[in-house]
Every structure is written in C-alpha cells, then in structure tokens.
Amino acid sequence: MEELVLALAIIGACLFWTAWREHRQDNRRDSALMTVIGLVLAAGSAAAALVA
C-alpha cells in the first residue's frame, strides 16, 4: 500500500509541475486539466495513506 501512496504522490507532483509550465506558456486549458487530475491523484494518495 505504501508503494501506491508514493506512486500517486510522485505522479501528482509531476502533473502539478507540468501544469505550472503549461500555465507559464499561456496554455490555460491544458494547465487547468492537469491541475484537476493532479488534485484527484493527491486526494487518492491521501485516502490511501489514511487506509494504510
């Protein structure tokens, strides 16, 4: 279970980084989409951490 939490956290962090880069390049739609996906992964990671 710890591996799942770590994997979700790493993927979410990568998505937030990419969303920030897209935001800086004025690609707002992709930035918003990646931010939402990152938030969902962060919530999933937190829920998995609470269960574990």
Protein backbone atom coordinates (compact mmCIF):
# COMPACT_ATOMS: atom_id res chain seq x y z
CA MET A 1 0.00 0.00 0.00
CA GLU A 2 2.91 2.35 0.71
CA GLU A 3 4.09 1.93 -2.87
CA LEU A 4 0.67 3.03 -4.14
CA VAL A 5 0.72 6.14 -1.99
CA LEU A 6 4.23 7.01 -3.13
CA ALA A 7 3.43 6.39 -6.80
CA LEU A 8 0.29 8.55 -6.68
CA ALA A 9 2.20 11.33 -4.93
CA ILE A 10 5.02 11.28 -7.49
CA ILE A 11 2.65 11.24 -10.46
CA GLY A 12 0.62 14.07 -8.92
CA ALA A 13 3.75 16.16 -8.31
CA CYS A 14 4.84 15.63 -11.93
CA LEU A 15 1.41 16.72 -13.15
CA PHE A 16 1.49 19.87 -10.99
CA TRP A 17 4.96 20.71 -12.35
CA THR A 18 3.77 20.21 -15.94
CA ALA A 19 0.61 22.24 -15.26
CA TRP A 20 2.75 25.10 -13.94
CA ARG A 21 4.93 25.01 -17.06
CA GLU A 22 1.85 24.98 -19.32
CA HIS A 23 0.41 27.90 -17.35
CA ARG A 24 3.59 29.90 -17.91
CA GLN A 25 3.29 29.24 -21.65
CA ASP A 26 -0.32 30.56 -21.62
CA ASN A 27 -1.79 27.15 -22.36
CA ARG A 28 -4.61 27.61 -19.84
CA ARG A 29 -6.88 24.71 -20.86
CA ASP A 30 -4.18 22.06 -20.51
CA SER A 31 -2.92 23.66 -17.31
CA ALA A 32 -6.38 23.54 -15.73
CA LEU A 33 -6.93 19.94 -16.82
CA MET A 34 -3.59 18.80 -15.39
CA THR A 35 -4.26 20.67 -12.15
CA VAL A 36 -7.61 18.89 -11.70
CA ILE A 37 -6.05 15.49 -12.45
CA GLY A 38 -3.22 16.28 -10.00
CA LEU A 39 -5.73 17.20 -7.30
CA VAL A 40 -7.62 13.94 -7.84
CA LEU A 41 -4.36 11.98 -7.56
CA ALA A 42 -3.40 13.91 -4.41
CA ALA A 43 -6.79 13.13 -2.85
CA GLY A 44 -6.39 9.47 -3.81
CA SER A 45 -2.92 9.39 -2.30
CA ALA A 46 -4.18 10.94 0.93
CA ALA A 47 -7.08 8.49 1.13
CA ALA A 48 -4.75 5.53 0.52
CA ALA A 49 -2.40 6.83 3.20
CA LEU A 50 -5.26 7.03 5.71
CA VAL A 51 -6.39 3.50 4.90
CA ALA A 52 -2.86 2.08 5.19
